[in-house]
Amino acid sequence: MQVRLRRLARILDAQGQMHRREEAELARVVRDGREVETRRHDLVQALGGLSPFHGLFPAPMAHRLNALAIEQDRLRADGEARAGSLIASGIKRKRTERLIGRLRVEHGAALEKQAWLQHLEAFAVTAGGGPDGAGRRGDVRRGASSPSASDASLRPNHPSTAPVRPASHGRQDSEVP
């Protein structure tokens, strides 16, 4: 189980690296989209301004404006695709984290169960009921008997197991000697 947890932890690390890389790529695409929008805005301002070169280069400026619009559309589509990929990788990572969490709980429960079994085996050996039928306190084969659960002295609420109070010799608890 520990091997599986280590492998899943490595997978989770790799998914985290891929997720960060996709975030960086999405940020780059968004940044490039802003730059294209800024260039497009500057070009529109230049076309609408009262520049002496206003009438000389309308065709190249219109061509450049069209190229910027196409590039902006491409970046928008790329950004949407990367955002979808980023969401998908985030979902994969969350699934892996939940799987690791469940495996850690199962592993902890298995370790606790194993520890309890070891305690029970150790108790059984010291109480005389070991795996081979013999213990330190007595040997079942020699006719020694172990106390049964019906023995009154082993019951917690039986009067014979109640703590003995010292005699008060006629004094009440409120009286001080």
N, C-alpha and C. Protein backbone atom coordinates (compact mmCIF):
# COMPACT_ATOMS: atom_id res chain seq x y z
N MET A 1 0.83 -1.18 0.00
CA MET A 1 0.00 0.00 0.00
C MET A 1 0.87 1.25 0.00
N GLN A 2 2.00 1.20 0.72
CA GLN A 2 2.90 2.36 0.75
C GLN A 2 3.49 2.62 -0.63
N VAL A 3 3.77 1.56 -1.37
CA VAL A 3 4.32 1.72 -2.72
C VAL A 3 3.29 2.43 -3.59
N ARG A 4 2.05 2.03 -3.46
CA ARG A 4 0.99 2.66 -4.25
C ARG A 4 0.84 4.13 -3.87
N LEU A 5 0.92 4.43 -2.57
CA LEU A 5 0.83 5.83 -2.13
C LEU A 5 1.98 6.66 -2.68
N ARG A 6 3.20 6.09 -2.67
CA ARG A 6 4.35 6.83 -3.22
C ARG A 6 4.19 7.07 -4.71
N ARG A 7 3.70 6.07 -5.44
CA ARG A 7 3.50 6.24 -6.88
C ARG A 7 2.45 7.31 -7.15
N LEU A 8 1.37 7.28 -6.40
CA LEU A 8 0.33 8.29 -6.59
C LEU A 8 0.83 9.67 -6.21
N ALA A 9 1.69 9.75 -5.21
CA ALA A 9 2.26 11.05 -4.84
C ALA A 9 3.13 11.59 -5.97
N ARG A 10 3.89 10.71 -6.63
CA ARG A 10 4.69 11.15 -7.78
C ARG A 10 3.78 11.60 -8.92
N ILE A 11 2.70 10.87 -9.14
CA ILE A 11 1.74 11.26 -10.19
C ILE A 11 1.15 12.61 -9.85
N LEU A 12 0.81 12.82 -8.58
CA LEU A 12 0.25 14.10 -8.16
C LEU A 12 1.25 15.23 -8.38
N ASP A 13 2.52 14.99 -8.08
CA ASP A 13 3.55 16.00 -8.33
C ASP A 13 3.65 16.33 -9.81
N ALA A 14 3.64 15.30 -10.65
CA ALA A 14 3.70 15.53 -12.10
C ALA A 14 2.48 16.29 -12.59
N GLN A 15 1.30 15.94 -12.05
CA GLN A 15 0.10 16.66 -12.44
C GLN A 15 0.17 18.11 -11.99
N GLY A 16 0.76 18.35 -10.82
CA GLY A 16 0.93 19.72 -10.35
C GLY A 16 1.85 20.53 -11.25
N GLN A 17 2.94 19.89 -11.70
CA GLN A 17 3.86 20.58 -12.61
C GLN A 17 3.17 20.89 -13.94
N MET A 18 2.42 19.93 -14.45
CA MET A 18 1.71 20.16 -15.72
C MET A 18 0.66 21.25 -15.55
N HIS A 19 -0.01 21.26 -14.41
CA HIS A 19 -1.03 22.28 -14.15
C HIS A 19 -0.40 23.67 -14.10
N ARG A 20 0.74 23.78 -13.41
CA ARG A 20 1.43 25.08 -13.35
C ARG A 20 1.91 25.51 -14.73
N ARG A 21 2.39 24.56 -15.54
CA ARG A 21 2.83 24.90 -16.89
C ARG A 21 1.65 25.39 -17.73
N GLU A 22 0.50 24.72 -17.59
CA GLU A 22 -0.68 25.15 -18.34
C GLU A 22 -1.15 26.52 -17.87
N GLU A 23 -1.05 26.79 -16.56
CA GLU A 23 -1.40 28.12 -16.07
C GLU A 23 -0.49 29.18 -16.67
N ALA A 24 0.81 28.87 -16.75
CA ALA A 24 1.76 29.83 -17.32
C ALA A 24 1.46 30.06 -18.80
N GLU A 25 1.12 29.00 -19.53
CA GLU A 25 0.79 29.15 -20.95
C GLU A 25 -0.48 29.97 -21.13
N LEU A 26 -1.47 29.74 -20.29
CA LEU A 26 -2.70 30.52 -20.37
C LEU A 26 -2.42 31.99 -20.06
N ALA A 27 -1.58 32.24 -19.07
CA ALA A 27 -1.21 33.62 -18.75
C ALA A 27 -0.48 34.27 -19.91
N ARG A 28 0.39 33.50 -20.59
CA ARG A 28 1.10 34.05 -21.76
C ARG A 28 0.12 34.39 -22.87
N VAL A 29 -0.85 33.52 -23.12
CA VAL A 29 -1.84 33.76 -24.17
C VAL A 29 -2.67 35.00 -23.84
N VAL A 30 -3.07 35.14 -22.57
CA VAL A 30 -3.85 36.31 -22.16
C VAL A 30 -3.02 37.58 -22.33
N ARG A 31 -1.75 37.51 -21.94
CA ARG A 31 -0.86 38.66 -22.09
C ARG A 31 -0.67 39.03 -23.55
N ASP A 32 -0.47 38.03 -24.42
CA ASP A 32 -0.34 38.29 -25.85
C ASP A 32 -1.63 38.89 -26.41
N GLY A 33 -2.77 38.42 -25.93
CA GLY A 33 -4.05 38.97 -26.39
C GLY A 33 -4.19 40.44 -26.01
N ARG A 34 -3.74 40.80 -24.81
CA ARG A 34 -3.78 42.21 -24.40
C ARG A 34 -2.86 43.07 -25.27
N GLU A 35 -1.68 42.52 -25.60
CA GLU A 35 -0.75 43.28 -26.46
C GLU A 35 -1.35 43.50 -27.84
N VAL A 36 -1.99 42.48 -28.40
CA VAL A 36 -2.62 42.62 -29.71
C VAL A 36 -3.75 43.65 -29.64
N GLU A 37 -4.52 43.60 -28.56
CA GLU A 37 -5.61 44.57 -28.40
C GLU A 37 -5.05 45.99 -28.31
N THR A 38 -3.93 46.16 -27.61
CA THR A 38 -3.30 47.47 -27.49
C THR A 38 -2.81 47.95 -28.86
N ARG A 39 -2.16 47.06 -29.61
CA ARG A 39 -1.69 47.44 -30.96
C ARG A 39 -2.85 47.79 -31.87
N ARG A 40 -3.92 47.03 -31.76
CA ARG A 40 -5.11 47.28 -32.59
C ARG A 40 -5.72 48.64 -32.23
N HIS A 41 -5.78 48.92 -30.93
CA HIS A 41 -6.32 50.20 -30.48
C HIS A 41 -5.46 51.36 -30.98
N ASP A 42 -4.13 51.20 -30.90
CA ASP A 42 -3.22 52.24 -31.39
C ASP A 42 -3.40 52.47 -32.89
N LEU A 43 -3.59 51.40 -33.64
CA LEU A 43 -3.77 51.51 -35.08
C LEU A 43 -5.09 52.22 -35.42
N VAL A 44 -6.13 51.89 -34.68
CA VAL A 44 -7.43 52.56 -34.91
C VAL A 44 -7.29 54.04 -34.56
N GLN A 45 -6.57 54.36 -33.50
CA GLN A 45 -6.36 55.76 -33.14
C GLN A 45 -5.58 56.50 -34.23
N ALA A 46 -4.60 55.79 -34.82
CA ALA A 46 -3.81 56.42 -35.89
C ALA A 46 -4.66 56.64 -37.14
N LEU A 47 -5.55 55.71 -37.46
CA LEU A 47 -6.41 55.87 -38.62
C LEU A 47 -7.44 56.99 -38.42
N GLY A 48 -7.90 57.16 -37.20
CA GLY A 48 -8.91 58.18 -36.95
C GLY A 48 -8.32 59.53 -36.61
N GLY A 49 -7.04 59.65 -36.45
CA GLY A 49 -6.41 60.91 -36.06
C GLY A 49 -6.23 61.85 -37.23
N LEU A 50 -5.87 63.05 -36.91
CA LEU A 50 -5.63 64.07 -37.93
C LEU A 50 -4.15 64.15 -38.27
N SER A 51 -3.63 63.05 -38.71
CA SER A 51 -2.22 62.98 -39.06
C SER A 51 -2.04 63.40 -40.51
N PRO A 52 -0.89 64.02 -40.84
CA PRO A 52 -0.65 64.38 -42.25
C PRO A 52 -0.50 63.13 -43.13
N PHE A 53 -0.18 61.98 -42.52
CA PHE A 53 -0.02 60.75 -43.30
C PHE A 53 -1.33 59.95 -43.37
N HIS A 54 -2.40 60.57 -42.94
CA HIS A 54 -3.68 59.88 -42.83
C HIS A 54 -4.14 59.28 -44.16
N GLY A 55 -4.04 59.99 -45.18
CA GLY A 55 -4.53 59.52 -46.47
C GLY A 55 -3.50 58.76 -47.29
N LEU A 56 -2.26 58.68 -46.86
CA LEU A 56 -1.22 58.06 -47.67
C LEU A 56 -1.19 56.54 -47.57
N PHE A 57 -1.48 55.99 -46.40
CA PHE A 57 -1.33 54.55 -46.19
C PHE A 57 -2.60 53.86 -45.67
N PRO A 58 -3.75 54.11 -46.25
CA PRO A 58 -4.96 53.47 -45.70
C PRO A 58 -5.00 51.96 -45.99
N ALA A 59 -4.52 51.54 -47.13
CA ALA A 59 -4.59 50.12 -47.49
C ALA A 59 -3.68 49.28 -46.59
N PRO A 60 -2.39 49.66 -46.39
CA PRO A 60 -1.55 48.86 -45.48
C PRO A 60 -2.06 48.88 -44.05
N MET A 61 -2.60 50.03 -43.61
CA MET A 61 -3.13 50.11 -42.24
C MET A 61 -4.35 49.20 -42.09
N ALA A 62 -5.21 49.18 -43.10
CA ALA A 62 -6.39 48.31 -43.05
C ALA A 62 -5.97 46.84 -43.06
N HIS A 63 -4.95 46.53 -43.87
CA HIS A 63 -4.44 45.16 -43.91
C HIS A 63 -3.88 44.75 -42.54
N ARG A 64 -3.13 45.66 -41.93
CA ARG A 64 -2.55 45.37 -40.61
C ARG A 64 -3.66 45.22 -39.56
N LEU A 65 -4.68 46.05 -39.64
CA LEU A 65 -5.80 45.96 -38.72
C LEU A 65 -6.51 44.62 -38.86
N ASN A 66 -6.66 44.16 -40.08
CA ASN A 66 -7.27 42.86 -40.34
C ASN A 66 -6.39 41.73 -39.78
N ALA A 67 -5.08 41.82 -39.96
CA ALA A 67 -4.16 40.81 -39.43
C ALA A 67 -4.21 40.77 -37.90
N LEU A 68 -4.29 41.94 -37.28
CA LEU A 68 -4.39 41.98 -35.82
C LEU A 68 -5.71 41.37 -35.33
N ALA A 69 -6.79 41.59 -36.06
CA ALA A 69 -8.08 41.00 -35.69
C ALA A 69 -8.02 39.47 -35.80
N ILE A 70 -7.38 38.98 -36.86
CA ILE A 70 -7.24 37.53 -37.03
C ILE A 70 -6.38 36.94 -35.91
N GLU A 71 -5.28 37.61 -35.59
CA GLU A 71 -4.41 37.14 -34.51
C GLU A 71 -5.14 37.17 -33.17
N GLN A 72 -5.95 38.20 -32.95
CA GLN A 72 -6.71 38.29 -31.71
C GLN A 72 -7.73 37.15 -31.61
N ASP A 73 -8.38 36.82 -32.70
CA ASP A 73 -9.33 35.71 -32.70
C ASP A 73 -8.62 34.38 -32.42
N ARG A 74 -7.44 34.21 -33.03
CA ARG A 74 -6.67 32.99 -32.80
C ARG A 74 -6.26 32.88 -31.33
N LEU A 75 -5.79 33.98 -30.75
CA LEU A 75 -5.39 33.97 -29.35
C LEU A 75 -6.58 33.72 -28.42
N ARG A 76 -7.74 34.27 -28.78
CA ARG A 76 -8.94 34.05 -27.97
C ARG A 76 -9.31 32.56 -27.98
N ALA A 77 -9.30 31.95 -29.17
CA ALA A 77 -9.62 30.53 -29.29
C ALA A 77 -8.59 29.68 -28.54
N ASP A 78 -7.31 30.05 -28.68
CA ASP A 78 -6.26 29.32 -27.97
C ASP A 78 -6.43 29.47 -26.46
N GLY A 79 -6.78 30.65 -26.01
CA GLY A 79 -7.00 30.88 -24.58
C GLY A 79 -8.17 30.06 -24.05
N GLU A 80 -9.25 29.98 -24.83
CA GLU A 80 -10.40 29.18 -24.40
C GLU A 80 -10.03 27.70 -24.32
N ALA A 81 -9.26 27.23 -25.32
CA ALA A 81 -8.84 25.83 -25.30
C ALA A 81 -7.92 25.56 -24.10
N ARG A 82 -7.00 26.46 -23.85
CA ARG A 82 -6.09 26.29 -22.71
C ARG A 82 -6.84 26.37 -21.38
N ALA A 83 -7.84 27.24 -21.31
CA ALA A 83 -8.64 27.33 -20.08
C ALA A 83 -9.39 26.02 -19.84
N GLY A 84 -9.95 25.44 -20.90
CA GLY A 84 -10.61 24.14 -20.76
C GLY A 84 -9.64 23.06 -20.34
N SER A 85 -8.46 23.07 -20.92
CA SER A 85 -7.43 22.09 -20.55
C SER A 85 -6.99 22.29 -19.11
N LEU A 86 -6.90 23.54 -18.68
CA LEU A 86 -6.51 23.85 -17.31
C LEU A 86 -7.57 23.35 -16.33
N ILE A 87 -8.82 23.52 -16.66
CA ILE A 87 -9.90 23.02 -15.81
C ILE A 87 -9.86 21.50 -15.74
N ALA A 88 -9.65 20.86 -16.89
CA ALA A 88 -9.58 19.39 -16.91
C ALA A 88 -8.41 18.88 -16.09
N SER A 89 -7.26 19.53 -16.18
CA SER A 89 -6.12 19.07 -15.39
C SER A 89 -6.35 19.33 -13.90
N GLY A 90 -7.04 20.39 -13.57
CA GLY A 90 -7.38 20.64 -12.17
C GLY A 90 -8.31 19.57 -11.63
N ILE A 91 -9.27 19.14 -12.45
CA ILE A 91 -10.19 18.09 -12.04
C ILE A 91 -9.42 16.78 -11.84
N LYS A 92 -8.51 16.46 -12.76
CA LYS A 92 -7.70 15.24 -12.61
C LYS A 92 -6.89 15.29 -11.32
N ARG A 93 -6.32 16.44 -11.06
CA ARG A 93 -5.49 16.59 -9.86
C ARG A 93 -6.34 16.41 -8.59
N LYS A 94 -7.52 17.01 -8.57
CA LYS A 94 -8.40 16.86 -7.41
C LYS A 94 -8.81 15.40 -7.22
N ARG A 95 -9.09 14.69 -8.32
CA ARG A 95 -9.43 13.28 -8.21
C ARG A 95 -8.28 12.49 -7.61
N THR A 96 -7.07 12.79 -8.06
CA THR A 96 -5.89 12.09 -7.54
C THR A 96 -5.70 12.42 -6.06
N GLU A 97 -5.91 13.68 -5.68
CA GLU A 97 -5.78 14.05 -4.27
C GLU A 97 -6.80 13.30 -3.41
N ARG A 98 -8.03 13.20 -3.90
CA ARG A 98 -9.05 12.46 -3.14
C ARG A 98 -8.70 10.98 -3.05
N LEU A 99 -8.17 10.41 -4.15
CA LEU A 99 -7.76 9.00 -4.13
C LEU A 99 -6.65 8.78 -3.11
N ILE A 100 -5.68 9.68 -3.09
CA ILE A 100 -4.58 9.57 -2.14
C ILE A 100 -5.13 9.69 -0.71
N GLY A 101 -6.06 10.59 -0.51
CA GLY A 101 -6.66 10.74 0.82
C GLY A 101 -7.36 9.47 1.27
N ARG A 102 -8.13 8.86 0.36
CA ARG A 102 -8.82 7.61 0.71
C ARG A 102 -7.81 6.50 0.99
N LEU A 103 -6.75 6.43 0.18
CA LEU A 103 -5.74 5.39 0.40
C LEU A 103 -5.01 5.60 1.72
N ARG A 104 -4.75 6.86 2.09
CA ARG A 104 -4.10 7.13 3.38
C ARG A 104 -4.99 6.69 4.54
N VAL A 105 -6.29 6.95 4.40
CA VAL A 105 -7.22 6.52 5.45
C VAL A 105 -7.24 4.99 5.53
N GLU A 106 -7.32 4.33 4.38
CA GLU A 106 -7.32 2.86 4.36
C GLU A 106 -6.01 2.31 4.93
N HIS A 107 -4.90 2.95 4.57
CA HIS A 107 -3.60 2.51 5.06
C HIS A 107 -3.53 2.68 6.58
N GLY A 108 -4.00 3.81 7.07
CA GLY A 108 -4.01 4.05 8.51
C GLY A 108 -4.89 3.03 9.24
N ALA A 109 -6.05 2.71 8.66
CA ALA A 109 -6.93 1.72 9.26
C ALA A 109 -6.28 0.34 9.26
N ALA A 110 -5.59 0.02 8.17
CA ALA A 110 -4.91 -1.28 8.09
C ALA A 110 -3.78 -1.36 9.12
N LEU A 111 -3.04 -0.28 9.28
CA LEU A 111 -1.97 -0.27 10.28
C LEU A 111 -2.54 -0.38 11.69
N GLU A 112 -3.64 0.32 11.95
CA GLU A 112 -4.27 0.25 13.26
C GLU A 112 -4.80 -1.15 13.53
N LYS A 113 -5.40 -1.76 12.52
CA LYS A 113 -5.91 -3.13 12.67
C LYS A 113 -4.76 -4.09 12.96
N GLN A 114 -3.67 -3.91 12.23
CA GLN A 114 -2.50 -4.78 12.45
C GLN A 114 -1.95 -4.59 13.86
N ALA A 115 -1.91 -3.35 14.34
CA ALA A 115 -1.41 -3.10 15.69
C ALA A 115 -2.33 -3.73 16.73
N TRP A 116 -3.64 -3.63 16.54
CA TRP A 116 -4.57 -4.26 17.47
C TRP A 116 -4.42 -5.78 17.46
N LEU A 117 -4.24 -6.34 16.28
CA LEU A 117 -4.04 -7.79 16.22
C LEU A 117 -2.78 -8.21 16.94
N GLN A 118 -1.73 -7.42 16.83
CA GLN A 118 -0.50 -7.73 17.55
C GLN A 118 -0.70 -7.63 19.05
N HIS A 119 -1.45 -6.60 19.49
CA HIS A 119 -1.74 -6.47 20.91
C HIS A 119 -2.56 -7.65 21.41
N LEU A 120 -3.56 -8.04 20.63
CA LEU A 120 -4.40 -9.18 21.03
C LEU A 120 -3.59 -10.46 21.10
N GLU A 121 -2.72 -10.67 20.13
CA GLU A 121 -1.88 -11.87 20.15
C GLU A 121 -0.95 -11.86 21.36
N ALA A 122 -0.38 -10.70 21.65
CA ALA A 122 0.50 -10.60 22.81
C ALA A 122 -0.28 -10.85 24.09
N PHE A 123 -1.50 -10.31 24.18
CA PHE A 123 -2.33 -10.53 25.36
C PHE A 123 -2.72 -11.99 25.48
N ALA A 124 -3.05 -12.61 24.35
CA ALA A 124 -3.45 -14.02 24.37
C ALA A 124 -2.29 -14.90 24.83
N VAL A 125 -1.10 -14.57 24.43
CA VAL A 125 0.07 -15.36 24.82
C VAL A 125 0.33 -15.19 26.31
N THR A 126 0.23 -13.97 26.84
CA THR A 126 0.50 -13.75 28.27
C THR A 126 -0.65 -14.23 29.14
N ALA A 127 -1.86 -14.32 28.62
CA ALA A 127 -3.02 -14.77 29.41
C ALA A 127 -3.18 -16.27 29.38
N GLY A 128 -2.41 -16.97 28.63
CA GLY A 128 -2.47 -18.42 28.61
C GLY A 128 -3.22 -18.99 27.44
N GLY A 129 -3.64 -18.19 26.56
CA GLY A 129 -4.39 -18.70 25.41
C GLY A 129 -3.65 -18.46 24.13
N GLY A 130 -2.38 -18.74 24.09
CA GLY A 130 -1.56 -18.50 22.91
C GLY A 130 -1.95 -19.39 21.76
N PRO A 131 -1.32 -19.21 20.64
CA PRO A 131 -1.67 -19.98 19.45
C PRO A 131 -1.48 -21.48 19.63
N ASP A 132 -0.53 -21.91 20.47
CA ASP A 132 -0.31 -23.34 20.67
C ASP A 132 -1.07 -23.87 21.89
N GLY A 133 -1.87 -23.01 22.54
CA GLY A 133 -2.68 -23.44 23.67
C GLY A 133 -1.98 -23.30 25.00
N ALA A 134 -0.75 -22.83 25.03
CA ALA A 134 -0.02 -22.70 26.28
C ALA A 134 0.41 -21.26 26.45
N GLY A 135 0.49 -20.83 27.68
CA GLY A 135 0.94 -19.48 27.97
C GLY A 135 1.88 -19.49 29.15
N ARG A 136 2.22 -18.34 29.65
CA ARG A 136 3.16 -18.24 30.76
C ARG A 136 2.50 -18.55 32.10
N ARG A 137 1.22 -18.28 32.24
CA ARG A 137 0.57 -18.44 33.54
C ARG A 137 0.07 -19.85 33.79
N GLY A 138 -0.02 -20.61 32.82
CA GLY A 138 -0.51 -21.96 33.05
C GLY A 138 -0.51 -22.73 31.75
N ASP A 139 -0.54 -24.02 31.89
CA ASP A 139 -0.54 -24.85 30.70
C ASP A 139 -1.86 -25.61 30.68
N VAL A 140 -2.60 -25.41 29.63
CA VAL A 140 -3.90 -26.06 29.49
C VAL A 140 -3.72 -27.57 29.43
N ARG A 141 -2.63 -28.02 28.89
CA ARG A 141 -2.41 -29.46 28.75
C ARG A 141 -2.17 -30.13 30.10
N ARG A 142 -1.68 -29.40 31.09
CA ARG A 142 -1.42 -29.98 32.41
C ARG A 142 -2.65 -29.91 33.31
N GLY A 143 -3.75 -29.42 32.80
CA GLY A 143 -4.96 -29.39 33.58
C GLY A 143 -5.20 -28.08 34.28
N ALA A 144 -4.37 -27.07 34.07
CA ALA A 144 -4.60 -25.77 34.69
C ALA A 144 -5.78 -25.12 33.99
N SER A 145 -6.62 -24.50 34.77
CA SER A 145 -7.78 -23.87 34.16
C SER A 145 -7.62 -22.37 34.21
N SER A 146 -8.15 -21.74 33.23
CA SER A 146 -8.13 -20.29 33.20
C SER A 146 -9.46 -19.80 33.73
N PRO A 147 -9.51 -18.60 34.33
CA PRO A 147 -10.77 -18.11 34.87
C PRO A 147 -11.77 -17.87 33.74
N SER A 148 -13.02 -18.18 34.03
CA SER A 148 -14.05 -18.01 33.01
C SER A 148 -14.70 -16.65 33.17
N ALA A 149 -15.43 -16.23 32.17
CA ALA A 149 -16.10 -14.94 32.19
C ALA A 149 -17.26 -14.96 33.18
N SER A 150 -17.73 -16.15 33.59
CA SER A 150 -18.83 -16.20 34.54
C SER A 150 -18.35 -16.09 35.99
N ASP A 151 -17.05 -16.07 36.20
CA ASP A 151 -16.51 -15.93 37.54
C ASP A 151 -16.92 -14.56 38.08
N ALA A 152 -17.53 -14.54 39.28
CA ALA A 152 -18.08 -13.31 39.85
C ALA A 152 -16.99 -12.28 40.14
N SER A 153 -15.81 -12.73 40.45
CA SER A 153 -14.76 -11.78 40.81
C SER A 153 -14.24 -11.00 39.61
N LEU A 154 -14.55 -11.44 38.39
CA LEU A 154 -14.08 -10.74 37.19
C LEU A 154 -15.11 -9.75 36.66
N ARG A 155 -16.33 -9.79 37.14
CA ARG A 155 -17.35 -8.86 36.68
C ARG A 155 -17.13 -7.50 37.34
N PRO A 156 -17.17 -6.42 36.57
CA PRO A 156 -16.81 -5.11 37.12
C PRO A 156 -17.79 -4.58 38.16
N ASN A 157 -19.07 -4.91 38.12
CA ASN A 157 -20.04 -4.34 39.04
C ASN A 157 -20.46 -5.33 40.13
N HIS A 158 -19.74 -6.36 40.30
CA HIS A 158 -20.07 -7.35 41.31
C HIS A 158 -19.61 -6.85 42.67
N PRO A 159 -20.39 -7.12 43.73
CA PRO A 159 -20.01 -6.63 45.07
C PRO A 159 -18.65 -7.12 45.54
N SER A 160 -18.23 -8.28 45.07
CA SER A 160 -16.93 -8.76 45.53
C SER A 160 -15.78 -7.98 44.93
N THR A 161 -16.03 -7.20 43.87
CA THR A 161 -14.97 -6.41 43.25
C THR A 161 -15.04 -4.96 43.66
N ALA A 162 -16.01 -4.58 44.51
CA ALA A 162 -16.13 -3.18 44.95
C ALA A 162 -14.96 -2.84 45.86
N PRO A 163 -14.52 -1.60 45.82
CA PRO A 163 -13.40 -1.22 46.68
C PRO A 163 -13.83 -1.22 48.15
N VAL A 164 -12.94 -1.62 49.00
CA VAL A 164 -13.22 -1.71 50.43
C VAL A 164 -12.88 -0.38 51.07
N ARG A 165 -13.86 0.16 51.82
CA ARG A 165 -13.64 1.43 52.53
C ARG A 165 -13.22 1.12 53.96
N PRO A 166 -12.33 1.90 54.49
CA PRO A 166 -11.93 1.66 55.88
C PRO A 166 -13.08 1.96 56.83
N ALA A 167 -13.09 1.31 57.94
CA ALA A 167 -14.16 1.50 58.92
C ALA A 167 -14.09 2.89 59.49
N SER A 168 -15.25 3.48 59.78
CA SER A 168 -15.28 4.86 60.27
C SER A 168 -15.30 4.93 61.78
N HIS A 169 -15.49 3.81 62.47
CA HIS A 169 -15.50 3.74 63.92
C HIS A 169 -16.52 4.69 64.53
N GLY A 170 -17.69 4.78 63.93
CA GLY A 170 -18.78 5.56 64.50
C GLY A 170 -18.77 7.02 64.11
N ARG A 171 -17.77 7.50 63.40
CA ARG A 171 -17.72 8.91 63.00
C ARG A 171 -18.44 9.10 61.68
N GLN A 172 -19.00 10.25 61.50
CA GLN A 172 -19.60 10.61 60.23
C GLN A 172 -18.51 11.25 59.37
N ASP A 173 -18.76 11.29 58.04
CA ASP A 173 -17.77 11.89 57.14
C ASP A 173 -17.60 13.38 57.40
N SER A 174 -18.64 14.04 57.93
CA SER A 174 -18.54 15.48 58.15
C SER A 174 -17.80 15.83 59.42
N GLU A 175 -17.63 14.86 60.32
CA GLU A 175 -16.93 15.12 61.57
C GLU A 175 -15.44 15.13 61.35
N VAL A 176 -14.81 16.08 61.95
CA VAL A 176 -13.37 16.19 61.84
C VAL A 176 -12.77 15.71 63.16
N PRO A 177 -11.75 14.84 63.18
CA PRO A 177 -11.16 14.34 64.45
C PRO A 177 -10.44 15.41 65.22
